[in-house]
Amino acid sequence: MKLLQKKDGYRLSVDRHWPGGVSKEKAKLDECRKELGLSDKLRQWFNHKHERFTIKY
């Protein structure tokens, strides 16, 4: 994990699910806004299939 530096700026998490293996103390977040993250329904639909978010014109 990269060391936190002052120049990194404001640290905000918008994830509804906390990543495993990372303590909240080590993350050193300035703010956690779960309500801004993907809904459970959208997250399950996305399911790591990046092509689903490709914009086609």
C-alpha atoms as a PDB file:
ATOM      1  CA  MET A   1       0.000   0.000   0.000  1.00  0.00           C
ATOM      2  CA  LYS A   2       1.258   3.451  -0.937  1.00  0.00           C
ATOM      3  CA  LEU A   3       2.157   5.699   1.975  1.00  0.00           C
ATOM      4  CA  LEU A   4      -0.224   8.586   2.560  1.00  0.00           C
ATOM      5  CA  GLN A   5       1.243  11.985   1.819  1.00  0.00           C
ATOM      6  CA  LYS A   6      -0.201  15.459   2.419  1.00  0.00           C
ATOM      7  CA  LYS A   7      -0.148  16.225  -1.321  1.00  0.00           C
ATOM      8  CA  ASP A   8      -2.567  13.329  -1.916  1.00  0.00           C
ATOM      9  CA  GLY A   9      -5.422  15.675  -1.051  1.00  0.00           C
ATOM     10  CA  TYR A  10      -8.860  14.944   0.360  1.00  0.00           C
ATOM     11  CA  ARG A  11      -9.639  11.233   0.729  1.00  0.00           C
ATOM     12  CA  LEU A  12     -13.260  10.213   0.154  1.00  0.00           C
ATOM     13  CA  SER A  13     -14.767   6.737  -0.052  1.00  0.00           C
ATOM     14  CA  VAL A  14     -18.092   6.237  -1.858  1.00  0.00           C
ATOM     15  CA  ASP A  15     -18.124   2.434  -1.715  1.00  0.00           C
ATOM     16  CA  ARG A  16     -21.086   0.767   0.007  1.00  0.00           C
ATOM     17  CA  HIS A  17     -18.934  -2.263   0.851  1.00  0.00           C
ATOM     18  CA  TRP A  18     -15.672  -1.864   2.734  1.00  0.00           C
ATOM     19  CA  PRO A  19     -12.745  -3.603   0.974  1.00  0.00           C
ATOM     20  CA  GLY A  20     -11.387  -6.607   2.824  1.00  0.00           C
ATOM     21  CA  GLY A  21      -7.924  -6.400   4.322  1.00  0.00           C
ATOM     22  CA  VAL A  22      -7.955  -2.609   4.759  1.00  0.00           C
ATOM     23  CA  SER A  23      -8.604  -1.194   8.208  1.00  0.00           C
ATOM     24  CA  LYS A  24     -10.425   2.109   8.476  1.00  0.00           C
ATOM     25  CA  GLU A  25      -7.477   3.434  10.480  1.00  0.00           C
ATOM     26  CA  LYS A  26      -4.979   2.586   7.715  1.00  0.00           C
ATOM     27  CA  ALA A  27      -7.224   4.045   4.993  1.00  0.00           C
ATOM     28  CA  LYS A  28      -7.076   7.451   6.731  1.00  0.00           C
ATOM     29  CA  LEU A  29     -10.167   8.740   4.976  1.00  0.00           C
ATOM     30  CA  ASP A  30     -11.395  12.279   5.410  1.00  0.00           C
ATOM     31  CA  GLU A  31     -14.967  11.238   4.677  1.00  0.00           C
ATOM     32  CA  CYS A  32     -17.037   8.133   3.911  1.00  0.00           C
ATOM     33  CA  ARG A  33     -20.245   8.696   1.882  1.00  0.00           C
ATOM     34  CA  LYS A  34     -21.813   5.292   1.241  1.00  0.00           C
ATOM     35  CA  GLU A  35     -24.998   6.878  -0.104  1.00  0.00           C
ATOM     36  CA  LEU A  36     -23.022   8.108  -3.147  1.00  0.00           C
ATOM     37  CA  GLY A  37     -21.951   4.594  -4.160  1.00  0.00           C
ATOM     38  CA  LEU A  38     -23.639   2.245  -6.599  1.00  0.00           C
ATOM     39  CA  SER A  39     -26.911   0.713  -5.478  1.00  0.00           C
ATOM     40  CA  ASP A  40     -26.824  -3.014  -4.724  1.00  0.00           C
ATOM     41  CA  LYS A  41     -28.976  -3.653  -7.815  1.00  0.00           C
ATOM     42  CA  LEU A  42     -26.634  -1.720 -10.138  1.00  0.00           C
ATOM     43  CA  ARG A  43     -23.510  -3.226  -8.556  1.00  0.00           C
ATOM     44  CA  GLN A  44     -24.871  -6.755  -9.049  1.00  0.00           C
ATOM     45  CA  TRP A  45     -25.829  -5.998 -12.673  1.00  0.00           C
ATOM     46  CA  PHE A  46     -22.365  -4.548 -13.407  1.00  0.00           C
ATOM     47  CA  ASN A  47     -20.620  -7.594 -11.838  1.00  0.00           C
ATOM     48  CA  HIS A  48     -17.133  -6.488 -13.029  1.00  0.00           C
ATOM     49  CA  LYS A  49     -18.242  -6.600 -16.703  1.00  0.00           C
ATOM     50  CA  HIS A  50     -16.689  -3.339 -17.882  1.00  0.00           C
ATOM     51  CA  GLU A  51     -18.231  -3.590 -21.362  1.00  0.00           C
ATOM     52  CA  ARG A  52     -21.632  -2.923 -19.782  1.00  0.00           C
ATOM     53  CA  PHE A  53     -20.545   0.685 -19.208  1.00  0.00           C
ATOM     54  CA  THR A  54     -19.185   1.233 -22.689  1.00  0.00           C
ATOM     55  CA  ILE A  55     -21.004   4.071 -24.435  1.00  0.00           C
ATOM     56  CA  LYS A  56     -21.863   3.262 -28.042  1.00  0.00           C
ATOM     57  CA  TYR A  57     -22.720   6.033 -30.521  1.00  0.00           C
END
